[in-house]
Structures are given as structure tokens and as C-alpha cells.
Amino acid sequence: MAASTSQGKTFTVFMVGITVAAAGLAFSASGIGKVALVAGLAILGFSFYQFFTIKPLEGKPAEGKQPPVLKLAGLALALGGWLVILLGVNLTPNVAGRMFSTLLGLAISLFGVLVILPMAANKNAIWKA
């Protein structure tokens, strides 16, 4: 969500760049795909430059520092669930085993994203001051 007009415009340029780069990557075998990929990466570079130029204008954030251990635990669970899915699908030959490993990995990832990460963000929330 953009808080100012410059952030909104820069985010729009970023979205255009990522879309053009993805289309160029998808069709990289053709000449126009390579041109689109290079143009998309150039647009992305320009948007990153714009993001860094407007960063000093934002001011100090209102929230305190969140605990890094909880953030890392949430990230580890999210990635760990993804790895459970990848390993389960590749190592299990039958459909029931793949379904079980997929649901288990999804549950682990969702627990990390929906339970642990919000706890980290709400630990020092501005409304609790």
C-alpha cells in the first residue's frame, strides 16, 4: 500500500517492470522475448532507484523493533513447510503419501505465516504503547 503519490507511482512502475520481465523470461527463446526481458529488468532497476530516492522522505517508522527470533522462526516454518511439500512429492510414489505430505507442509507453512509472524509483528505494536 502506497502512503504517498510518489510511492504509488514507483510501485506502479515496479509492477510494470516485473510483468514485462516475466513475459520476457517466458518467451526468452524469441528475439522479442529477449528485448522484453532486458526492458523489464531496466524498468525494475529504475523503480529500485526511485524507491531508494524516496526512502529518506518517509521519516521514522512509528513501530518499535520486532523481536528477530520470532521473525526468523516464522520464516523457518514457512520455508520448512515448503521443503516438506517438495520432499514429500519427490520421495513418495503413491498419491495418498503425496497428499499427506502436501497437507502437512501446507499446515506447517500456514502456522508460520498466520501464527508466528503476526506474534512477532504485534509484540511491540504502536497501539500497545
Protein backbone atom coordinates (compact mmCIF):
# COMPACT_ATOMS: atom_id res chain seq x y z
CA MET A 1 0.00 0.00 0.00
CA ALA A 2 1.41 3.33 -1.00
CA ALA A 3 1.31 6.13 1.54
CA SER A 4 2.17 8.92 -0.88
CA THR A 5 1.77 9.69 -4.56
CA SER A 6 5.45 9.10 -5.31
CA GLN A 7 5.32 5.70 -3.63
CA GLY A 8 2.22 4.79 -5.64
CA LYS A 9 3.79 5.83 -8.94
CA THR A 10 7.02 4.00 -8.15
CA PHE A 11 5.11 0.86 -7.17
CA THR A 12 3.19 1.04 -10.46
CA VAL A 13 6.46 1.28 -12.39
CA PHE A 14 7.77 -1.69 -10.37
CA MET A 15 4.69 -3.79 -11.23
CA VAL A 16 5.01 -2.93 -14.92
CA GLY A 17 8.70 -3.85 -14.84
CA ILE A 18 8.14 -7.19 -13.13
CA THR A 19 5.34 -8.04 -15.58
CA VAL A 20 7.43 -7.17 -18.65
CA ALA A 21 10.44 -9.06 -17.25
CA ALA A 22 8.29 -12.14 -16.53
CA ALA A 23 6.84 -12.05 -20.05
CA GLY A 24 10.33 -11.68 -21.48
CA LEU A 25 11.55 -14.62 -19.42
CA ALA A 26 8.62 -16.74 -20.55
CA PHE A 27 9.34 -16.01 -24.22
CA SER A 28 13.14 -15.74 -23.97
CA ALA A 29 13.62 -18.12 -26.90
CA SER A 30 12.39 -15.47 -29.34
CA GLY A 31 14.03 -12.16 -30.14
CA ILE A 32 11.17 -10.05 -28.80
CA GLY A 33 11.26 -12.06 -25.57
CA LYS A 34 14.90 -11.14 -25.04
CA VAL A 35 14.11 -7.48 -25.71
CA ALA A 36 11.20 -7.62 -23.25
CA LEU A 37 13.41 -9.25 -20.62
CA VAL A 38 16.08 -6.57 -20.93
CA ALA A 39 13.45 -3.79 -20.95
CA GLY A 40 11.72 -5.29 -17.90
CA LEU A 41 14.98 -5.51 -15.98
CA ALA A 42 15.79 -1.91 -16.91
CA ILE A 43 12.37 -0.78 -15.67
CA LEU A 44 12.92 -2.76 -12.45
CA GLY A 45 16.29 -1.09 -11.97
CA PHE A 46 14.72 2.32 -12.46
CA SER A 47 11.96 1.53 -9.95
CA PHE A 48 14.53 0.36 -7.37
CA TYR A 49 16.42 3.61 -7.86
CA GLN A 50 13.18 5.54 -7.35
CA PHE A 51 12.39 3.55 -4.20
CA PHE A 52 15.78 4.44 -2.72
CA THR A 53 15.40 8.13 -3.61
CA ILE A 54 12.03 8.44 -1.85
CA LYS A 55 13.06 6.38 1.21
CA PRO A 56 14.56 9.36 3.13
CA LEU A 57 11.29 11.27 2.69
CA GLU A 58 9.30 8.69 4.67
CA GLY A 59 10.54 9.59 8.13
CA LYS A 60 10.96 7.37 11.17
CA PRO A 61 8.58 4.38 11.49
CA ALA A 62 6.07 4.53 14.33
CA GLU A 63 6.62 0.95 15.48
CA GLY A 64 9.30 -0.34 17.75
CA LYS A 65 11.72 -3.07 16.83
CA GLN A 66 10.18 -6.51 16.48
CA PRO A 67 11.92 -9.50 18.04
CA PRO A 68 14.17 -11.09 15.41
CA VAL A 69 13.90 -14.60 16.88
CA LEU A 70 10.14 -14.77 16.24
CA LYS A 71 10.55 -13.39 12.73
CA LEU A 72 13.22 -15.98 11.96
CA ALA A 73 11.09 -18.76 13.47
CA GLY A 74 8.13 -17.76 11.28
CA LEU A 75 10.35 -17.64 8.21
CA ALA A 76 11.89 -21.02 9.07
CA LEU A 77 8.46 -22.60 9.46
CA ALA A 78 7.21 -21.13 6.20
CA LEU A 79 10.24 -22.39 4.29
CA GLY A 80 10.27 -25.67 6.20
CA GLY A 81 6.69 -26.40 5.18
CA TRP A 82 7.62 -25.72 1.59
CA LEU A 83 10.53 -28.16 1.86
CA VAL A 84 8.24 -30.82 3.37
CA ILE A 85 6.00 -30.44 0.33
CA LEU A 86 8.91 -30.70 -2.11
CA LEU A 87 10.47 -33.70 -0.40
CA GLY A 88 7.15 -35.48 0.07
CA VAL A 89 6.14 -35.07 -3.55
CA ASN A 90 9.51 -36.24 -4.84
CA LEU A 91 10.10 -39.11 -2.41
CA THR A 92 6.61 -40.63 -2.17
CA PRO A 93 5.42 -42.77 -5.07
CA ASN A 94 1.72 -43.02 -4.21
CA VAL A 95 -0.98 -40.38 -4.25
CA ALA A 96 -2.02 -40.78 -0.60
CA GLY A 97 1.52 -40.16 0.64
CA ARG A 98 1.89 -37.13 -1.60
CA MET A 99 -1.43 -35.73 -0.42
CA PHE A 100 -0.45 -36.24 3.22
CA SER A 101 2.96 -34.59 2.80
CA THR A 102 1.40 -31.70 0.89
CA LEU A 103 -1.23 -31.06 3.56
CA LEU A 104 1.37 -31.38 6.32
CA GLY A 105 3.70 -28.93 4.58
CA LEU A 106 0.83 -26.52 3.98
CA ALA A 107 -0.16 -26.69 7.66
CA ILE A 108 3.43 -26.01 8.76
CA SER A 109 3.77 -23.05 6.38
CA LEU A 110 0.42 -21.56 7.36
CA PHE A 111 1.25 -21.90 11.05
CA GLY A 112 4.47 -19.98 10.49
CA VAL A 113 2.82 -17.27 8.40
CA LEU A 114 -0.51 -16.90 10.21
CA VAL A 115 0.52 -17.52 13.83
CA ILE A 116 4.22 -16.91 14.44
CA LEU A 117 4.82 -13.91 12.16
CA PRO A 118 1.82 -11.91 13.46
CA MET A 119 3.02 -12.59 17.01
CA ALA A 120 6.36 -11.04 16.05
CA ALA A 121 4.70 -8.03 14.45
CA ASN A 122 2.32 -7.44 17.37
CA LYS A 123 4.96 -7.80 20.07
CA ASN A 124 5.78 -4.08 20.06
CA ALA A 125 2.79 -2.71 18.17
CA ILE A 126 2.13 1.02 18.34
CA TRP A 127 -1.34 0.59 19.90
CA LYS A 128 0.16 -1.33 22.85
CA ALA A 129 2.32 1.58 23.97
